[in-house]
Amino acid sequence: MLAAITWFATADIRTSKAISFDEETRSALNGNDINNAYQKAEFAYALSPSDDRAITLGSLAYVRRQYQASKKYFHTTATSGSSLAEQAKVGELAAAAEIENESDFNQTIKQAGSPANNLKLAFANALINGGGLDTAGSVLAKDKVSNQNIAYAKSIGQAPNNLAGAQTTQEEAGSGFDKPAFTNPAYERFIRELITVPKNGNRDLSTAFSQMAIVTDSASRNVILASTLYRLNEYRAAESLAETAVHQQPAYRDGWSVLAAAQISLKNYSKAEQSLKVSTDLDKGYGYTWYLKSQLAKQQNQTKKADEYAEQAKQLGYKK
C-alpha cells in the first residue's frame, strides 16, 4: 500500500512539474527563444510523455533544423492512433523532406497514407519541399482553388505533366489570400512556416508557365520551372526537376547549372562540383556557371578561388 501511495505521489509530482515546464516552453516561445523553449519542452516530455508534447518537440526540432530528432518525435505521435496522429504525419513528412535520404522520404510518404482534408495543403507543401512534385499534385487534384496557398502548391504539382491545368489553377486563384487554421499553438508555429507562400510566388509561377508554354521540349520546360522554384527557395523541387532535365538531355548546359545551384543551396557540395564540371565542359564561356563556381568555392572557404571565379564570370559578362 505504501509503495502504491509513493508511486502515485511521484507521478503527481512529475505531472505537475511537466505542466510547469509546458508553461515555461510557452513563455520562451512568446519571447522567440527557440532554444530555451526546446530545452523546456524536452524536460516536460521526459517527465510526462504525451502526444501533444511530442508534437511540440517535433515542431521545435524542425525549426532548429534538427530534422532527425523532429522526425523521431513526430513519428511517435503519427503511429499512436491519437487525434493528433494526422498532424504528426505531416510533420514527419516535412522533417523527412529535409533529410538527404530519398528512400526514407518515399517510405514516409507510403506510411503517411492520405492526409485529412484540413491537412492536405501542408502535406502537399511538405512533398514539394522533398521534391515529390507528382504526389503533391495528386494530393490536391480534386481540391477547389479557394486561395493562393492552394494555387501555389497545386500548380507546382501539376506543371511538369499538366501545364494547361497549372495555368488554369493560377487563373482560378484570383487575388484571395488565406491560411488554413490549426488549433495546436506550438504546431501552428511550425505549420505556418511550412505553408508560407513566398512573396509574388504565384506571379513568378505564372510567368514561368507562360515561358514553358512557348517551348516544345520537356527538358526545357523542366529547367524553366526548376529555375523559378530555385528562386522561390524550393531547392529540392528544383533539384528534382533539373535532374530529370539532364537525364532527358545530358548535354543541356542550363540544366546542369540549375542543378548545381540547387545543390549548393542544399549544401550538397560534392554533387554541385560534379554538376558544375559538366556544365563547364559543355560551355566554358557561360558566365553563370563561373558565378556558381565562385559561390561554391566561397561556401568551402576557398576565398582565392572564389575571387578568381567571380572575376571570370564578370569577364564573361555575367551580372547578378
Protein backbone atom coordinates (compact mmCIF):
# COMPACT_ATOMS: atom_id res chain seq x y z
CA MET A 1 0.00 0.00 0.00
CA LEU A 2 2.82 2.40 0.93
CA ALA A 3 4.61 1.62 -2.33
CA ALA A 4 1.44 2.43 -4.28
CA ILE A 5 1.00 5.73 -2.43
CA THR A 6 4.63 6.61 -3.10
CA TRP A 7 4.21 5.80 -6.80
CA PHE A 8 1.08 7.92 -7.21
CA ALA A 9 2.66 10.79 -5.30
CA THR A 10 5.70 10.60 -7.53
CA ALA A 11 3.51 10.51 -10.66
CA ASP A 12 1.58 13.55 -9.44
CA ILE A 13 4.81 15.43 -8.80
CA ARG A 14 6.17 14.53 -12.23
CA THR A 15 2.93 15.60 -13.95
CA SER A 16 2.84 18.87 -12.02
CA LYS A 17 6.43 19.65 -12.89
CA ALA A 18 5.83 18.75 -16.56
CA ILE A 19 2.94 21.23 -16.66
CA SER A 20 5.25 23.85 -15.18
CA PHE A 21 7.77 23.17 -17.95
CA ASP A 22 4.93 23.45 -20.51
CA GLU A 23 4.27 26.97 -19.24
CA GLU A 24 7.97 27.80 -19.45
CA THR A 25 8.01 26.46 -23.02
CA ARG A 26 5.14 28.76 -23.99
CA SER A 27 6.82 31.70 -22.29
CA ALA A 28 10.07 31.06 -24.18
CA LEU A 29 8.14 30.79 -27.46
CA ASN A 30 6.43 34.11 -26.81
CA GLY A 31 9.90 35.60 -26.43
CA ASN A 32 11.03 33.82 -29.62
CA ASP A 33 13.68 31.95 -27.62
CA ILE A 34 13.50 28.70 -29.59
CA ASN A 35 16.49 27.02 -27.94
CA ASN A 36 15.19 27.61 -24.43
CA ALA A 37 11.71 26.52 -25.49
CA TYR A 38 13.13 23.29 -26.89
CA GLN A 39 15.02 22.56 -23.66
CA LYS A 40 11.92 23.14 -21.52
CA ALA A 41 9.83 21.01 -23.87
CA GLU A 42 12.37 18.19 -23.56
CA PHE A 43 12.10 18.35 -19.76
CA ALA A 44 8.30 18.26 -19.91
CA TYR A 45 8.30 15.28 -22.27
CA ALA A 46 10.85 13.36 -20.20
CA LEU A 47 8.75 13.83 -17.05
CA SER A 48 5.40 13.02 -18.67
CA PRO A 49 5.43 11.84 -22.30
CA SER A 50 2.33 12.70 -24.31
CA ASP A 51 1.34 13.15 -27.95
CA ASP A 52 0.92 16.90 -27.74
CA ARG A 53 4.35 17.26 -26.10
CA ALA A 54 5.88 15.05 -28.81
CA ILE A 55 4.37 17.30 -31.50
CA THR A 56 5.71 20.38 -29.72
CA LEU A 57 9.19 18.84 -29.65
CA GLY A 58 8.93 17.75 -33.27
CA SER A 59 7.92 21.28 -34.27
CA LEU A 60 10.69 22.95 -32.31
CA ALA A 61 13.29 20.48 -33.54
CA TYR A 62 12.22 21.25 -37.11
CA VAL A 63 12.61 24.99 -36.56
CA ARG A 64 16.06 24.29 -35.05
CA ARG A 65 16.87 22.26 -38.19
CA GLN A 66 17.37 19.09 -36.17
CA TYR A 67 15.41 17.07 -38.68
CA GLN A 68 16.26 13.57 -37.45
CA ALA A 69 15.03 14.47 -33.96
CA SER A 70 11.99 16.19 -35.43
CA LYS A 71 11.08 13.11 -37.47
CA LYS A 72 11.52 10.88 -34.41
CA TYR A 73 9.17 12.92 -32.22
CA PHE A 74 6.56 13.31 -34.94
CA HIS A 75 6.73 9.58 -35.71
CA THR A 76 5.97 8.80 -32.06
CA THR A 77 2.59 10.51 -32.41
CA ALA A 78 1.97 9.59 -36.05
CA THR A 79 1.82 5.91 -35.09
CA SER A 80 -0.05 6.37 -31.80
CA GLY A 81 -3.57 6.35 -33.20
CA SER A 82 -4.43 9.52 -31.27
CA SER A 83 -6.40 12.50 -32.55
CA LEU A 84 -3.09 14.27 -33.23
CA ALA A 85 -1.73 11.49 -35.43
CA GLU A 86 -2.78 13.20 -38.68
CA GLN A 87 -0.96 16.40 -37.77
CA ALA A 88 2.09 14.41 -36.77
CA LYS A 89 2.15 12.61 -40.14
CA VAL A 90 2.54 15.95 -41.91
CA GLY A 91 5.28 16.96 -39.50
CA GLU A 92 7.09 13.66 -40.01
CA LEU A 93 6.89 14.05 -43.78
CA ALA A 94 8.16 17.64 -43.57
CA ALA A 95 11.14 16.53 -41.47
CA ALA A 96 11.83 13.59 -43.80
CA ALA A 97 11.84 16.02 -46.74
CA GLU A 98 14.77 17.86 -45.18
CA ILE A 99 16.85 14.71 -44.67
CA GLU A 100 19.01 13.65 -47.61
CA ASN A 101 17.57 10.16 -47.94
CA GLU A 102 15.27 9.63 -50.91
CA SER A 103 14.27 6.07 -49.98
CA ASP A 104 13.41 7.13 -46.41
CA PHE A 105 11.36 10.05 -47.76
CA ASN A 106 9.44 7.76 -50.12
CA GLN A 107 8.84 5.28 -47.31
CA THR A 108 7.49 8.07 -45.10
CA ILE A 109 5.09 9.06 -47.89
CA LYS A 110 3.78 5.49 -48.08
CA GLN A 111 3.37 5.22 -44.31
CA ALA A 112 1.55 8.56 -44.11
CA GLY A 113 -1.22 7.47 -46.47
CA SER A 114 -3.85 10.03 -47.46
CA PRO A 115 -3.92 13.22 -45.38
CA ALA A 116 -7.01 14.57 -43.67
CA ASN A 117 -8.78 17.26 -45.69
CA ASN A 118 -7.68 20.10 -43.39
CA LEU A 119 -4.05 18.99 -43.71
CA LYS A 120 -3.85 18.42 -47.46
CA LEU A 121 -2.19 21.75 -48.16
CA ALA A 122 0.53 21.28 -45.54
CA PHE A 123 1.05 17.72 -46.77
CA ALA A 124 1.44 18.92 -50.37
CA ASN A 125 3.93 21.61 -49.37
CA ALA A 126 6.00 19.06 -47.48
CA LEU A 127 6.02 16.88 -50.59
CA ILE A 128 7.17 19.79 -52.77
CA ASN A 129 9.92 20.58 -50.26
CA GLY A 130 11.13 17.00 -50.61
CA GLY A 131 10.95 17.06 -54.39
CA GLY A 132 7.79 14.92 -54.63
CA LEU A 133 6.00 17.13 -57.14
CA ASP A 134 3.82 14.49 -58.77
CA THR A 135 2.47 13.28 -55.45
CA ALA A 136 1.81 16.86 -54.34
CA GLY A 137 -0.28 17.41 -57.44
CA SER A 138 -2.33 14.30 -56.82
CA VAL A 139 -2.98 15.22 -53.17
CA LEU A 140 -4.66 18.48 -54.21
CA ALA A 141 -6.03 17.23 -57.55
CA LYS A 142 -9.70 17.42 -56.52
CA ASP A 143 -9.46 20.48 -54.27
CA LYS A 144 -11.07 23.74 -55.36
CA VAL A 145 -8.67 26.64 -55.62
CA SER A 146 -10.05 28.72 -52.75
CA ASN A 147 -6.89 30.70 -52.01
CA GLN A 148 -3.42 31.41 -53.33
CA ASN A 149 -1.74 28.93 -50.99
CA ILE A 150 -3.61 26.08 -52.66
CA ALA A 151 -2.92 27.54 -56.10
CA TYR A 152 0.79 27.70 -55.33
CA ALA A 153 1.12 24.08 -54.24
CA LYS A 154 -1.37 22.60 -56.67
CA SER A 155 0.04 24.35 -59.74
CA ILE A 156 3.62 23.29 -58.91
CA GLY A 157 2.42 19.69 -58.65
CA GLN A 158 0.56 19.93 -61.96
CA ALA A 159 3.08 21.86 -64.05
CA PRO A 160 5.55 19.09 -65.05
CA ASN A 161 2.84 16.89 -66.58
CA ASN A 162 -0.19 19.16 -66.99
CA LEU A 163 0.88 22.69 -67.87
CA ALA A 164 -2.60 23.73 -69.02
CA GLY A 165 -4.02 22.56 -65.70
CA ALA A 166 -1.37 24.51 -63.79
CA GLN A 167 -2.21 27.66 -65.72
CA THR A 168 -5.91 27.19 -65.03
CA THR A 169 -5.17 26.72 -61.33
CA GLN A 170 -3.27 30.02 -61.28
CA GLU A 171 -6.14 31.81 -63.04
CA GLU A 172 -8.66 30.42 -60.56
CA ALA A 173 -6.66 31.72 -57.61
CA GLY A 174 -7.53 35.35 -58.23
CA SER A 175 -6.30 37.77 -55.59
CA GLY A 176 -7.61 35.99 -52.49
CA PHE A 177 -5.14 35.00 -49.83
CA ASP A 178 -5.90 32.92 -46.76
CA LYS A 179 -4.14 30.47 -44.50
CA PRO A 180 -5.76 27.36 -43.03
CA ALA A 181 -6.43 27.37 -39.31
CA PHE A 182 -4.71 24.99 -36.89
CA THR A 183 -5.51 24.57 -33.22
CA ASN A 184 -2.33 23.36 -31.55
CA PRO A 185 -0.28 26.54 -30.80
CA ALA A 186 3.20 25.01 -30.99
CA TYR A 187 2.33 23.03 -34.09
CA GLU A 188 0.70 26.09 -35.68
CA ARG A 189 4.02 27.90 -35.38
CA PHE A 190 5.69 25.10 -37.32
CA ILE A 191 2.99 24.54 -39.89
CA ARG A 192 2.55 28.19 -40.81
CA GLU A 193 6.23 28.34 -41.63
CA LEU A 194 5.81 25.26 -43.76
CA ILE A 195 2.94 26.61 -45.89
CA THR A 196 4.00 30.22 -46.31
CA VAL A 197 3.81 31.26 -49.95
CA PRO A 198 6.84 33.36 -50.96
CA LYS A 199 6.04 36.95 -51.87
CA ASN A 200 5.00 37.10 -55.52
CA GLY A 201 5.37 33.32 -55.67
CA ASN A 202 2.23 32.81 -57.73
CA ARG A 203 3.16 35.64 -60.07
CA ASP A 204 6.59 34.08 -60.64
CA LEU A 205 4.98 30.72 -61.35
CA SER A 206 2.52 32.25 -63.80
CA THR A 207 5.41 33.83 -65.70
CA ALA A 208 7.24 30.50 -65.74
CA PHE A 209 4.15 28.71 -67.05
CA SER A 210 3.88 31.23 -69.90
CA GLN A 211 7.52 30.63 -70.80
CA MET A 212 7.03 26.85 -70.60
CA ALA A 213 4.09 27.04 -72.99
CA ILE A 214 6.33 28.53 -75.71
CA VAL A 215 8.98 25.78 -75.75
CA THR A 216 8.38 22.39 -77.28
CA ASP A 217 10.73 20.01 -75.46
CA SER A 218 10.17 18.62 -71.98
CA ALA A 219 13.72 19.22 -70.75
CA SER A 220 13.47 22.95 -71.43
CA ARG A 221 10.14 23.15 -69.64
CA ASN A 222 11.61 21.36 -66.64
CA VAL A 223 14.56 23.76 -66.49
CA ILE A 224 12.30 26.83 -66.70
CA LEU A 225 10.21 25.54 -63.80
CA ALA A 226 13.30 24.40 -61.88
CA SER A 227 14.85 27.87 -62.22
CA THR A 228 11.70 29.51 -60.90
CA LEU A 229 11.38 27.10 -57.98
CA TYR A 230 15.03 27.73 -57.15
CA ARG A 231 14.33 31.47 -56.93
CA LEU A 232 11.35 30.67 -54.67
CA ASN A 233 13.67 28.70 -52.33
CA GLU A 234 12.05 25.36 -53.26
CA TYR A 235 15.51 23.82 -53.65
CA ARG A 236 14.65 20.11 -53.59
CA ALA A 237 11.83 20.55 -56.08
CA ALA A 238 14.24 22.49 -58.30
CA GLU A 239 16.88 19.79 -57.91
CA SER A 240 14.38 17.05 -58.79
CA LEU A 241 13.24 18.80 -61.98
CA ALA A 242 16.78 19.70 -63.04
CA GLU A 243 17.89 16.09 -62.56
CA THR A 244 15.02 14.99 -64.81
CA ALA A 245 16.07 17.57 -67.41
CA VAL A 246 19.71 16.44 -67.58
CA HIS A 247 18.61 12.81 -67.84
CA GLN A 248 16.43 13.82 -70.77
CA GLN A 249 19.21 15.88 -72.36
CA PRO A 250 22.66 15.04 -70.91
CA ALA A 251 24.30 17.83 -72.92
CA TYR A 252 21.96 20.51 -71.59
CA ARG A 253 24.23 23.18 -70.09
CA ASP A 254 21.45 25.19 -68.40
CA GLY A 255 20.06 22.05 -66.81
CA TRP A 256 23.39 21.27 -65.17
CA SER A 257 23.77 24.86 -63.97
CA VAL A 258 20.34 24.97 -62.33
CA LEU A 259 21.02 21.57 -60.81
CA ALA A 260 24.31 22.86 -59.37
CA ALA A 261 22.64 25.99 -57.99
CA ALA A 262 20.06 23.88 -56.13
CA GLN A 263 22.74 21.50 -54.86
CA ILE A 264 24.80 24.40 -53.49
CA SER A 265 21.77 25.72 -51.61
CA LEU A 266 21.16 22.22 -50.24
CA LYS A 267 24.83 22.04 -49.20
CA ASN A 268 25.40 19.03 -51.48
CA TYR A 269 28.81 20.40 -52.39
CA SER A 270 30.35 17.26 -53.90
CA LYS A 271 27.36 16.82 -56.22
CA ALA A 272 27.47 20.51 -57.10
CA GLU A 273 31.13 20.19 -58.09
CA GLN A 274 30.26 17.34 -60.45
CA SER A 275 27.35 19.28 -61.99
CA LEU A 276 29.49 22.39 -62.47
CA LYS A 277 32.23 20.35 -64.11
CA VAL A 278 29.77 19.01 -66.67
CA SER A 279 28.33 22.49 -67.26
CA THR A 280 31.82 23.98 -67.71
CA ASP A 281 32.90 21.16 -70.04
CA LEU A 282 29.82 21.83 -72.16
CA ASP A 283 30.41 25.59 -72.32
CA LYS A 284 33.43 27.32 -70.79
CA GLY A 285 32.12 30.71 -71.89
CA TYR A 286 28.93 30.68 -69.80
CA GLY A 287 29.33 33.32 -67.07
CA TYR A 288 26.60 31.98 -64.78
CA THR A 289 28.48 28.69 -64.34
CA TRP A 290 31.58 30.58 -63.21
CA TYR A 291 29.47 32.62 -60.81
CA LEU A 292 28.15 29.39 -59.30
CA LYS A 293 31.69 28.06 -59.09
CA SER A 294 32.63 31.18 -57.10
CA GLN A 295 29.67 30.67 -54.77
CA LEU A 296 30.62 27.04 -54.20
CA ALA A 297 34.26 27.97 -53.51
CA LYS A 298 33.06 30.62 -51.05
CA GLN A 299 30.97 28.03 -49.20
CA GLN A 300 34.06 25.83 -48.99
CA ASN A 301 36.17 28.73 -47.62
CA GLN A 302 38.33 28.79 -50.76
CA THR A 303 38.50 32.58 -50.88
CA LYS A 304 41.19 32.91 -53.55
CA LYS A 305 39.40 30.54 -55.94
CA ALA A 306 36.07 32.25 -55.23
CA ASP A 307 37.55 35.62 -56.24
CA GLU A 308 39.14 34.15 -59.38
CA TYR A 309 35.88 32.51 -60.48
CA ALA A 310 33.88 35.66 -59.74
CA GLU A 311 36.27 37.70 -61.90
CA GLN A 312 35.94 35.11 -64.68
CA ALA A 313 32.15 35.39 -64.50
CA LYS A 314 32.43 39.18 -64.71
CA GLN A 315 34.77 38.98 -67.71
CA LEU A 316 32.22 36.79 -69.45
CA GLY A 317 29.54 39.40 -68.92
CA TYR A 318 27.64 37.83 -66.03
CA LYS A 319 25.83 40.28 -63.73
CA LYS A 320 23.97 39.31 -60.59
